[in-house]
PDB file of all heavy atoms in Angstrom:
ATOM      1  N   VAL A   1      26.775 -17.174 -21.558  1.00  0.00           N
ATOM      2  CA  VAL A   1      25.326 -17.195 -21.391  1.00  0.00           C
ATOM      3  C   VAL A   1      24.646 -17.879 -22.567  1.00  0.00           C
ATOM      4  O   VAL A   1      23.721 -18.660 -22.392  1.00  0.00           O
ATOM      5  CB  VAL A   1      24.789 -15.760 -21.186  1.00  0.00           C
ATOM      6  CG1 VAL A   1      23.280 -15.738 -21.190  1.00  0.00           C
ATOM      7  CG2 VAL A   1      25.326 -15.189 -19.882  1.00  0.00           C
ATOM      8  N   ASP A   2      25.106 -17.623 -23.780  1.00  0.00           N
ATOM      9  CA  ASP A   2      24.480 -18.243 -24.948  1.00  0.00           C
ATOM     10  C   ASP A   2      24.644 -19.765 -24.923  1.00  0.00           C
ATOM     11  O   ASP A   2      23.734 -20.494 -25.304  1.00  0.00           O
ATOM     12  CB  ASP A   2      25.048 -17.667 -26.243  1.00  0.00           C
ATOM     13  CG  ASP A   2      24.672 -16.212 -26.435  1.00  0.00           C
ATOM     14  OD1 ASP A   2      23.597 -15.804 -25.943  1.00  0.00           O
ATOM     15  OD2 ASP A   2      25.457 -15.475 -27.062  1.00  0.00           O
ATOM     16  N   ALA A   3      25.786 -20.253 -24.462  1.00  0.00           N
ATOM     17  CA  ALA A   3      25.989 -21.700 -24.372  1.00  0.00           C
ATOM     18  C   ALA A   3      25.067 -22.314 -23.330  1.00  0.00           C
ATOM     19  O   ALA A   3      24.521 -23.402 -23.530  1.00  0.00           O
ATOM     20  CB  ALA A   3      27.452 -22.013 -24.022  1.00  0.00           C
ATOM     21  N   ILE A   4      24.853 -21.622 -22.224  1.00  0.00           N
ATOM     22  CA  ILE A   4      23.943 -22.128 -21.201  1.00  0.00           C
ATOM     23  C   ILE A   4      22.528 -22.187 -21.759  1.00  0.00           C
ATOM     24  O   ILE A   4      21.837 -23.188 -21.633  1.00  0.00           O
ATOM     25  CB  ILE A   4      23.977 -21.240 -19.943  1.00  0.00           C
ATOM     26  CG1 ILE A   4      25.342 -21.331 -19.269  1.00  0.00           C
ATOM     27  CG2 ILE A   4      22.880 -21.645 -18.964  1.00  0.00           C
ATOM     28  CD1 ILE A   4      25.537 -20.324 -18.157  1.00  0.00           C
ATOM     29  N   ARG A   5      22.102 -21.107 -22.386  1.00  0.00           N
ATOM     30  CA  ARG A   5      20.728 -21.043 -22.902  1.00  0.00           C
ATOM     31  C   ARG A   5      20.475 -22.089 -23.971  1.00  0.00           C
ATOM     32  O   ARG A   5      19.399 -22.656 -24.054  1.00  0.00           O
ATOM     33  CB  ARG A   5      20.441 -19.660 -23.455  1.00  0.00           C
ATOM     34  CG  ARG A   5      20.253 -18.646 -22.374  1.00  0.00           C
ATOM     35  CD  ARG A   5      19.723 -17.348 -22.927  1.00  0.00           C
ATOM     36  NE  ARG A   5      19.567 -16.404 -21.843  1.00  0.00           N
ATOM     37  CZ  ARG A   5      19.960 -15.156 -21.900  1.00  0.00           C
ATOM     38  NH1 ARG A   5      20.536 -14.679 -22.977  1.00  0.00           N
ATOM     39  NH2 ARG A   5      19.786 -14.355 -20.869  1.00  0.00           N
ATOM     40  N   SER A   6      21.455 -22.335 -24.825  1.00  0.00           N
ATOM     41  CA  SER A   6      21.254 -23.290 -25.914  1.00  0.00           C
ATOM     42  C   SER A   6      21.662 -24.702 -25.510  1.00  0.00           C
ATOM     43  O   SER A   6      21.569 -25.616 -26.311  1.00  0.00           O
ATOM     44  CB  SER A   6      22.066 -22.856 -27.131  1.00  0.00           C
ATOM     45  OG  SER A   6      23.450 -22.962 -26.843  1.00  0.00           O
ATOM     46  N   ARG A   7      22.138 -24.853 -24.286  1.00  0.00           N
ATOM     47  CA  ARG A   7      22.587 -26.143 -23.750  1.00  0.00           C
ATOM     48  C   ARG A   7      23.801 -26.675 -24.499  1.00  0.00           C
ATOM     49  O   ARG A   7      24.038 -27.861 -24.541  1.00  0.00           O
ATOM     50  CB  ARG A   7      21.450 -27.153 -23.735  1.00  0.00           C
ATOM     51  CG  ARG A   7      20.334 -26.643 -22.867  1.00  0.00           C
ATOM     52  CD  ARG A   7      19.245 -27.596 -22.726  1.00  0.00           C
ATOM     53  NE  ARG A   7      18.228 -26.873 -21.956  1.00  0.00           N
ATOM     54  CZ  ARG A   7      17.142 -27.389 -21.520  1.00  0.00           C
ATOM     55  NH1 ARG A   7      16.895 -28.621 -21.737  1.00  0.00           N
ATOM     56  NH2 ARG A   7      16.288 -26.680 -20.848  1.00  0.00           N
ATOM     57  N   ARG A   8      24.572 -25.776 -25.081  1.00  0.00           N
ATOM     58  CA  ARG A   8      25.826 -26.145 -25.722  1.00  0.00           C
ATOM     59  C   ARG A   8      26.966 -25.828 -24.755  1.00  0.00           C
ATOM     60  O   ARG A   8      27.824 -25.017 -25.022  1.00  0.00           O
ATOM     61  CB  ARG A   8      26.044 -25.341 -27.015  1.00  0.00           C
ATOM     62  CG  ARG A   8      25.097 -25.638 -28.115  1.00  0.00           C
ATOM     63  CD  ARG A   8      25.362 -24.747 -29.339  1.00  0.00           C
ATOM     64  NE  ARG A   8      25.071 -23.345 -29.046  1.00  0.00           N
ATOM     65  CZ  ARG A   8      25.984 -22.383 -28.885  1.00  0.00           C
ATOM     66  NH1 ARG A   8      27.255 -22.635 -28.994  1.00  0.00           N
ATOM     67  NH2 ARG A   8      25.626 -21.138 -28.619  1.00  0.00           N
ATOM     68  N   VAL A   9      26.953 -26.482 -23.621  1.00  0.00           N
ATOM     69  CA  VAL A   9      27.942 -26.204 -22.585  1.00  0.00           C
ATOM     70  C   VAL A   9      29.145 -27.111 -22.803  1.00  0.00           C
ATOM     71  O   VAL A   9      28.984 -28.299 -23.066  1.00  0.00           O
ATOM     72  CB  VAL A   9      27.331 -26.445 -21.185  1.00  0.00           C
ATOM     73  CG1 VAL A   9      28.346 -26.191 -20.113  1.00  0.00           C
ATOM     74  CG2 VAL A   9      26.128 -25.549 -21.013  1.00  0.00           C
ATOM     75  N   PRO A  10      30.358 -26.584 -22.732  1.00  0.00           N
ATOM     76  CA  PRO A  10      31.544 -27.415 -22.947  1.00  0.00           C
ATOM     77  C   PRO A  10      31.598 -28.592 -21.987  1.00  0.00           C
ATOM     78  O   PRO A  10      31.163 -28.511 -20.840  1.00  0.00           O
ATOM     79  CB  PRO A  10      32.709 -26.450 -22.676  1.00  0.00           C
ATOM     80  CG  PRO A  10      32.133 -25.095 -22.836  1.00  0.00           C
ATOM     81  CD  PRO A  10      30.690 -25.194 -22.461  1.00  0.00           C
ATOM     82  N   GLU A  11      32.104 -29.706 -22.466  1.00  0.00           N
ATOM     83  CA  GLU A  11      32.235 -30.921 -21.658  1.00  0.00           C
ATOM     84  C   GLU A  11      33.047 -30.626 -20.396  1.00  0.00           C
ATOM     85  O   GLU A  11      34.042 -29.918 -20.440  1.00  0.00           O
ATOM     86  CB  GLU A  11      32.954 -32.000 -22.482  1.00  0.00           C
ATOM     87  CG  GLU A  11      32.853 -33.372 -21.887  1.00  0.00           C
ATOM     88  CD  GLU A  11      31.436 -33.904 -21.890  1.00  0.00           C
ATOM     89  OE1 GLU A  11      30.727 -33.744 -22.884  1.00  0.00           O
ATOM     90  OE2 GLU A  11      31.047 -34.489 -20.863  1.00  0.00           O
ATOM     91  N   GLY A  12      32.600 -31.154 -19.271  1.00  0.00           N
ATOM     92  CA  GLY A  12      33.341 -31.022 -18.029  1.00  0.00           C
ATOM     93  C   GLY A  12      33.064 -29.763 -17.248  1.00  0.00           C
ATOM     94  O   GLY A  12      33.644 -29.549 -16.197  1.00  0.00           O
ATOM     95  N   VAL A  13      32.181 -28.917 -17.717  1.00  0.00           N
ATOM     96  CA  VAL A  13      31.859 -27.685 -17.008  1.00  0.00           C
ATOM     97  C   VAL A  13      30.785 -27.989 -15.985  1.00  0.00           C
ATOM     98  O   VAL A  13      30.000 -28.920 -16.142  1.00  0.00           O
ATOM     99  CB  VAL A  13      31.415 -26.599 -18.014  1.00  0.00           C
ATOM    100  CG1 VAL A  13      30.996 -25.333 -17.303  1.00  0.00           C
ATOM    101  CG2 VAL A  13      32.565 -26.292 -18.958  1.00  0.00           C
ATOM    102  N   CYS A  14      30.721 -27.187 -14.944  1.00  0.00           N
ATOM    103  CA  CYS A  14      29.874 -27.500 -13.801  1.00  0.00           C
ATOM    104  C   CYS A  14      28.400 -27.650 -14.133  1.00  0.00           C
ATOM    105  O   CYS A  14      27.678 -28.287 -13.383  1.00  0.00           O
ATOM    106  CB  CYS A  14      30.047 -26.455 -12.701  1.00  0.00           C
ATOM    107  SG  CYS A  14      29.336 -24.854 -13.095  1.00  0.00           S
ATOM    108  N   VAL A  15      27.930 -27.107 -15.220  1.00  0.00           N
ATOM    109  CA  VAL A  15      26.507 -27.189 -15.510  1.00  0.00           C
ATOM    110  C   VAL A  15      26.132 -28.557 -16.072  1.00  0.00           C
ATOM    111  O   VAL A  15      24.982 -28.935 -16.082  1.00  0.00           O
ATOM    112  CB  VAL A  15      26.108 -26.067 -16.491  1.00  0.00           C
ATOM    113  CG1 VAL A  15      24.658 -26.160 -16.890  1.00  0.00           C
ATOM    114  CG2 VAL A  15      26.381 -24.732 -15.853  1.00  0.00           C
ATOM    115  N   ARG A  16      27.071 -29.336 -16.521  1.00  0.00           N
ATOM    116  CA  ARG A  16      26.762 -30.623 -17.132  1.00  0.00           C
ATOM    117  C   ARG A  16      27.314 -31.754 -16.258  1.00  0.00           C
ATOM    118  O   ARG A  16      28.483 -31.805 -15.966  1.00  0.00           O
ATOM    119  CB  ARG A  16      27.384 -30.691 -18.521  1.00  0.00           C
ATOM    120  CG  ARG A  16      27.052 -31.973 -19.240  1.00  0.00           C
ATOM    121  CD  ARG A  16      27.743 -32.030 -20.548  1.00  0.00           C
ATOM    122  NE  ARG A  16      26.778 -31.661 -21.565  1.00  0.00           N
ATOM    123  CZ  ARG A  16      27.081 -31.472 -22.817  1.00  0.00           C
ATOM    124  NH1 ARG A  16      28.313 -31.570 -23.223  1.00  0.00           N
ATOM    125  NH2 ARG A  16      26.148 -31.160 -23.678  1.00  0.00           N
ATOM    126  N   ALA A  17      26.423 -32.662 -15.880  1.00  0.00           N
ATOM    127  CA  ALA A  17      26.804 -33.879 -15.162  1.00  0.00           C
ATOM    128  C   ALA A  17      27.650 -33.598 -13.932  1.00  0.00           C
ATOM    129  O   ALA A  17      28.589 -34.310 -13.642  1.00  0.00           O
ATOM    130  CB  ALA A  17      27.514 -34.848 -16.109  1.00  0.00           C
ATOM    131  N   SER A  18      27.335 -32.580 -13.245  1.00  0.00           N
ATOM    132  CA  SER A  18      28.087 -32.201 -12.068  1.00  0.00           C
ATOM    133  C   SER A  18      27.330 -32.604 -10.821  1.00  0.00           C
ATOM    134  O   SER A  18      26.107 -32.544 -10.790  1.00  0.00           O
ATOM    135  CB  SER A  18      28.287 -30.692 -12.079  1.00  0.00           C
ATOM    136  OG  SER A  18      28.710 -30.232 -10.823  1.00  0.00           O
ATOM    137  N   PRO A  19      28.044 -32.990  -9.768  1.00  0.00           N
ATOM    138  CA  PRO A  19      27.350 -33.277  -8.506  1.00  0.00           C
ATOM    139  C   PRO A  19      26.576 -32.064  -7.997  1.00  0.00           C
ATOM    140  O   PRO A  19      25.522 -32.203  -7.401  1.00  0.00           O
ATOM    141  CB  PRO A  19      28.480 -33.649  -7.549  1.00  0.00           C
ATOM    142  CG  PRO A  19      29.657 -33.960  -8.388  1.00  0.00           C
ATOM    143  CD  PRO A  19      29.468 -33.236  -9.689  1.00  0.00           C
ATOM    144  N   VAL A  20      27.080 -30.873  -8.248  1.00  0.00           N
ATOM    145  CA  VAL A  20      26.390 -29.655  -7.812  1.00  0.00           C
ATOM    146  C   VAL A  20      25.031 -29.574  -8.500  1.00  0.00           C
ATOM    147  O   VAL A  20      24.000 -29.370  -7.860  1.00  0.00           O
ATOM    148  CB  VAL A  20      27.232 -28.400  -8.133  1.00  0.00           C
ATOM    149  CG1 VAL A  20      26.430 -27.136  -7.925  1.00  0.00           C
ATOM    150  CG2 VAL A  20      28.501 -28.374  -7.296  1.00  0.00           C
ATOM    151  N   VAL A  21      25.033 -29.772  -9.796  1.00  0.00           N
ATOM    152  CA  VAL A  21      23.792 -29.686 -10.554  1.00  0.00           C
ATOM    153  C   VAL A  21      22.878 -30.848 -10.204  1.00  0.00           C
ATOM    154  O   VAL A  21      21.667 -30.669 -10.036  1.00  0.00           O
ATOM    155  CB  VAL A  21      24.086 -29.622 -12.069  1.00  0.00           C
ATOM    156  CG1 VAL A  21      22.802 -29.698 -12.874  1.00  0.00           C
ATOM    157  CG2 VAL A  21      24.843 -28.347 -12.399  1.00  0.00           C
ATOM    158  N   SER A  22      23.440 -32.040 -10.060  1.00  0.00           N
ATOM    159  CA  SER A  22      22.621 -33.205  -9.694  1.00  0.00           C
ATOM    160  C   SER A  22      21.933 -32.994  -8.351  1.00  0.00           C
ATOM    161  O   SER A  22      20.750 -33.294  -8.205  1.00  0.00           O
ATOM    162  CB  SER A  22      23.485 -34.465  -9.644  1.00  0.00           C
ATOM    163  OG  SER A  22      24.014 -34.736 -10.910  1.00  0.00           O
ATOM    164  N   ARG A  23      22.663 -32.471  -7.385  1.00  0.00           N
ATOM    165  CA  ARG A  23      22.064 -32.203  -6.066  1.00  0.00           C
ATOM    166  C   ARG A  23      20.967 -31.148  -6.180  1.00  0.00           C
ATOM    167  O   ARG A  23      19.911 -31.259  -5.562  1.00  0.00           O
ATOM    168  CB  ARG A  23      23.131 -31.742  -5.075  1.00  0.00           C
ATOM    169  CG  ARG A  23      23.972 -32.850  -4.504  1.00  0.00           C
ATOM    170  CD  ARG A  23      24.805 -32.383  -3.315  1.00  0.00           C
ATOM    171  NE  ARG A  23      25.616 -31.208  -3.590  1.00  0.00           N
ATOM    172  CZ  ARG A  23      26.862 -31.243  -4.056  1.00  0.00           C
ATOM    173  NH1 ARG A  23      27.437 -32.387  -4.315  1.00  0.00           N
ATOM    174  NH2 ARG A  23      27.521 -30.131  -4.260  1.00  0.00           N
ATOM    175  N   ARG A  24      21.217 -30.128  -6.978  1.00  0.00           N
ATOM    176  CA  ARG A  24      20.218 -29.066  -7.113  1.00  0.00           C
ATOM    177  C   ARG A  24      18.970 -29.583  -7.812  1.00  0.00           C
ATOM    178  O   ARG A  24      17.852 -29.244  -7.430  1.00  0.00           O
ATOM    179  CB  ARG A  24      20.823 -27.879  -7.867  1.00  0.00           C
ATOM    180  CG  ARG A  24      19.932 -26.682  -7.850  1.00  0.00           C
ATOM    181  CD  ARG A  24      19.780 -26.154  -6.420  1.00  0.00           C
ATOM    182  NE  ARG A  24      18.734 -25.168  -6.391  1.00  0.00           N
ATOM    183  CZ  ARG A  24      17.842 -25.049  -5.433  1.00  0.00           C
ATOM    184  NH1 ARG A  24      17.885 -25.823  -4.375  1.00  0.00           N
ATOM    185  NH2 ARG A  24      16.909 -24.134  -5.492  1.00  0.00           N
ATOM    186  N   LEU A  25      19.149 -30.406  -8.849  1.00  0.00           N
ATOM    187  CA  LEU A  25      17.995 -30.995  -9.527  1.00  0.00           C
ATOM    188  C   LEU A  25      17.189 -31.868  -8.571  1.00  0.00           C
ATOM    189  O   LEU A  25      15.954 -31.820  -8.570  1.00  0.00           O
ATOM    190  CB  LEU A  25      18.443 -31.808 -10.746  1.00  0.00           C
ATOM    191  CG  LEU A  25      18.917 -30.992 -11.942  1.00  0.00           C
ATOM    192  CD1 LEU A  25      19.526 -31.909 -12.993  1.00  0.00           C
ATOM    193  CD2 LEU A  25      17.789 -30.167 -12.529  1.00  0.00           C
ATOM    194  N   ALA A  26      17.870 -32.642  -7.758  1.00  0.00           N
ATOM    195  CA  ALA A  26      17.167 -33.487  -6.775  1.00  0.00           C
ATOM    196  C   ALA A  26      16.406 -32.615  -5.782  1.00  0.00           C
ATOM    197  O   ALA A  26      15.260 -32.933  -5.424  1.00  0.00           O
ATOM    198  CB  ALA A  26      18.162 -34.394  -6.054  1.00  0.00           C
ATOM    199  N   ALA A  27      17.003 -31.530  -5.337  1.00  0.00           N
ATOM    200  CA  ALA A  27      16.322 -30.635  -4.401  1.00  0.00           C
ATOM    201  C   ALA A  27      15.103 -29.993  -5.055  1.00  0.00           C
ATOM    202  O   ALA A  27      14.037 -29.872  -4.431  1.00  0.00           O
ATOM    203  CB  ALA A  27      17.290 -29.558  -3.898  1.00  0.00           C
ATOM    204  N   LEU A  28      15.235 -29.592  -6.310  1.00  0.00           N
ATOM    205  CA  LEU A  28      14.098 -29.012  -7.020  1.00  0.00           C
ATOM    206  C   LEU A  28      12.988 -30.035  -7.227  1.00  0.00           C
ATOM    207  O   LEU A  28      11.803 -29.723  -7.051  1.00  0.00           O
ATOM    208  CB  LEU A  28      14.537 -28.434  -8.366  1.00  0.00           C
ATOM    209  CG  LEU A  28      15.369 -27.148  -8.296  1.00  0.00           C
ATOM    210  CD1 LEU A  28      15.951 -26.823  -9.666  1.00  0.00           C
ATOM    211  CD2 LEU A  28      14.552 -25.995  -7.767  1.00  0.00           C
ATOM    212  N   ASP A  29      13.361 -31.276  -7.564  1.00  0.00           N
ATOM    213  CA  ASP A  29      12.359 -32.342  -7.723  1.00  0.00           C
ATOM    214  C   ASP A  29      11.625 -32.599  -6.412  1.00  0.00           C
ATOM    215  O   ASP A  29      10.401 -32.766  -6.400  1.00  0.00           O
ATOM    216  CB  ASP A  29      13.010 -33.631  -8.221  1.00  0.00           C
ATOM    217  CG  ASP A  29      13.440 -33.551  -9.679  1.00  0.00           C
ATOM    218  OD1 ASP A  29      12.939 -32.663 -10.400  1.00  0.00           O
ATOM    219  OD2 ASP A  29      14.280 -34.379 -10.086  1.00  0.00           O
ATOM    220  N   ALA A  30      12.352 -32.613  -5.300  1.00  0.00           N
ATOM    221  CA  ALA A  30      11.728 -32.821  -3.989  1.00  0.00           C
ATOM    222  C   ALA A  30      10.783 -31.666  -3.659  1.00  0.00           C
ATOM    223  O   ALA A  30       9.685 -31.886  -3.125  1.00  0.00           O
ATOM    224  CB  ALA A  30      12.803 -32.968  -2.906  1.00  0.00           C
ATOM    225  N   GLU A  31      11.185 -30.453  -3.968  1.00  0.00           N
ATOM    226  CA  GLU A  31      10.335 -29.296  -3.702  1.00  0.00           C
ATOM    227  C   GLU A  31       9.078 -29.329  -4.574  1.00  0.00           C
ATOM    228  O   GLU A  31       7.979 -29.008  -4.113  1.00  0.00           O
ATOM    229  CB  GLU A  31      11.119 -28.000  -3.934  1.00  0.00           C
ATOM    230  CG  GLU A  31      10.352 -26.746  -3.643  1.00  0.00           C
ATOM    231  CD  GLU A  31      10.025 -26.530  -2.174  1.00  0.00           C
ATOM    232  OE1 GLU A  31      10.422 -27.322  -1.311  1.00  0.00           O
ATOM    233  OE2 GLU A  31       9.334 -25.529  -1.884  1.00  0.00           O
ATOM    234  N   ILE A  32       9.232 -29.725  -5.826  1.00  0.00           N
ATOM    235  CA  ILE A  32       8.069 -29.849  -6.712  1.00  0.00           C
ATOM    236  C   ILE A  32       7.104 -30.895  -6.168  1.00  0.00           C
ATOM    237  O   ILE A  32       5.887 -30.671  -6.135  1.00  0.00           O
ATOM    238  CB  ILE A  32       8.514 -30.189  -8.146  1.00  0.00           C
ATOM    239  CG1 ILE A  32       9.193 -28.971  -8.775  1.00  0.00           C
ATOM    240  CG2 ILE A  32       7.330 -30.663  -8.996  1.00  0.00           C
ATOM    241  CD1 ILE A  32       9.937 -29.272 -10.069  1.00  0.00           C
ATOM    242  N   ALA A  33       7.620 -32.022  -5.712  1.00  0.00           N
ATOM    243  CA  ALA A  33       6.763 -33.072  -5.152  1.00  0.00           C
ATOM    244  C   ALA A  33       6.046 -32.569  -3.898  1.00  0.00           C
ATOM    245  O   ALA A  33       4.847 -32.806  -3.712  1.00  0.00           O
ATOM    246  CB  ALA A  33       7.594 -34.316  -4.832  1.00  0.00           C
ATOM    247  N   ARG A  34       6.767 -31.854  -3.032  1.00  0.00           N
ATOM    248  CA  ARG A  34       6.162 -31.309  -1.818  1.00  0.00           C
ATOM    249  C   ARG A  34       5.060 -30.313  -2.155  1.00  0.00           C
ATOM    250  O   ARG A  34       3.960 -30.363  -1.592  1.00  0.00           O
ATOM    251  CB  ARG A  34       7.230 -30.634  -0.954  1.00  0.00           C
ATOM    252  CG  ARG A  34       6.720 -30.133   0.395  1.00  0.00           C
ATOM    253  CD  ARG A  34       7.771 -29.328   1.149  1.00  0.00           C
ATOM    254  NE  ARG A  34       8.035 -28.048   0.543  1.00  0.00           N
ATOM    255  CZ  ARG A  34       7.232 -26.973   0.641  1.00  0.00           C
ATOM    256  NH1 ARG A  34       6.105 -27.045   1.312  1.00  0.00           N
ATOM    257  NH2 ARG A  34       7.557 -25.836   0.068  1.00  0.00           N
ATOM    258  N   LEU A  35       5.337 -29.426  -3.087  1.00  0.00           N
ATOM    259  CA  LEU A  35       4.333 -28.440  -3.468  1.00  0.00           C
ATOM    260  C   LEU A  35       3.125 -29.093  -4.156  1.00  0.00           C
ATOM    261  O   LEU A  35       1.988 -28.661  -3.959  1.00  0.00           O
ATOM    262  CB  LEU A  35       4.954 -27.384  -4.383  1.00  0.00           C
ATOM    263  CG  LEU A  35       5.934 -26.425  -3.691  1.00  0.00           C
ATOM    264  CD1 LEU A  35       6.662 -25.573  -4.725  1.00  0.00           C
ATOM    265  CD2 LEU A  35       5.228 -25.563  -2.664  1.00  0.00           C
ATOM    266  N   THR A  36       3.361 -30.119  -4.925  1.00  0.00           N
ATOM    267  CA  THR A  36       2.251 -30.831  -5.572  1.00  0.00           C
ATOM    268  C   THR A  36       1.356 -31.484  -4.528  1.00  0.00           C
ATOM    269  O   THR A  36       0.120 -31.415  -4.627  1.00  0.00           O
ATOM    270  CB  THR A  36       2.798 -31.874  -6.567  1.00  0.00           C
ATOM    271  OG1 THR A  36       3.575 -31.193  -7.558  1.00  0.00           O
ATOM    272  CG2 THR A  36       1.673 -32.637  -7.244  1.00  0.00           C
ATOM    273  N   ARG A  37       1.973 -32.108  -3.520  1.00  0.00           N
ATOM    274  CA  ARG A  37       1.178 -32.708  -2.435  1.00  0.00           C
ATOM    275  C   ARG A  37       0.369 -31.634  -1.713  1.00  0.00           C
ATOM    276  O   ARG A  37      -0.815 -31.813  -1.431  1.00  0.00           O
ATOM    277  CB  ARG A  37       2.082 -33.446  -1.441  1.00  0.00           C
ATOM    278  CG  ARG A  37       2.575 -34.784  -1.923  1.00  0.00           C
ATOM    279  CD  ARG A  37       3.249 -35.587  -0.816  1.00  0.00           C
ATOM    280  NE  ARG A  37       4.308 -34.867  -0.124  1.00  0.00           N
ATOM    281  CZ  ARG A  37       5.567 -34.810  -0.533  1.00  0.00           C
ATOM    282  NH1 ARG A  37       5.951 -35.426  -1.616  1.00  0.00           N
ATOM    283  NH2 ARG A  37       6.464 -34.129   0.166  1.00  0.00           N
ATOM    284  N   ARG A  38       1.006 -30.505  -1.413  1.00  0.00           N
ATOM    285  CA  ARG A  38       0.317 -29.417  -0.718  1.00  0.00           C
ATOM    286  C   ARG A  38      -0.845 -28.884  -1.562  1.00  0.00           C
ATOM    287  O   ARG A  38      -1.929 -28.637  -1.059  1.00  0.00           O
ATOM    288  CB  ARG A  38       1.294 -28.293  -0.407  1.00  0.00           C
ATOM    289  CG  ARG A  38       0.613 -27.119   0.285  1.00  0.00           C
ATOM    290  CD  ARG A  38       1.586 -26.089   0.693  1.00  0.00           C
ATOM    291  NE  ARG A  38       1.953 -26.404   2.068  1.00  0.00           N
ATOM    292  CZ  ARG A  38       2.881 -25.762   2.727  1.00  0.00           C
ATOM    293  NH1 ARG A  38       3.557 -24.810   2.152  1.00  0.00           N
ATOM    294  NH2 ARG A  38       3.142 -26.066   3.969  1.00  0.00           N
ATOM    295  N   ARG A  39      -0.628 -28.731  -2.846  1.00  0.00           N
ATOM    296  CA  ARG A  39      -1.674 -28.271  -3.742  1.00  0.00           C
ATOM    297  C   ARG A  39      -2.834 -29.254  -3.773  1.00  0.00           C
ATOM    298  O   ARG A  39      -3.998 -28.867  -3.712  1.00  0.00           O
ATOM    299  CB  ARG A  39      -1.108 -28.086  -5.153  1.00  0.00           C
ATOM    300  CG  ARG A  39      -2.101 -27.500  -6.120  1.00  0.00           C
ATOM    301  CD  ARG A  39      -2.077 -28.270  -7.446  1.00  0.00           C
ATOM    302  NE  ARG A  39      -3.130 -27.834  -8.301  1.00  0.00           N
ATOM    303  CZ  ARG A  39      -4.348 -28.395  -8.324  1.00  0.00           C
ATOM    304  NH1 ARG A  39      -4.638 -29.387  -7.541  1.00  0.00           N
ATOM    305  NH2 ARG A  39      -5.268 -27.950  -9.131  1.00  0.00           N
TER     306      ARG A  39
END
């Protein structure tokens, strides 16, 4: 947990440069854009 919070995540772990994280970031960006338009 401390590594996640401080962004000191070991190289190659799913939280860094992972397709899972990239897809989730894209989904969050799309949701933010949708909510901004609605607002």
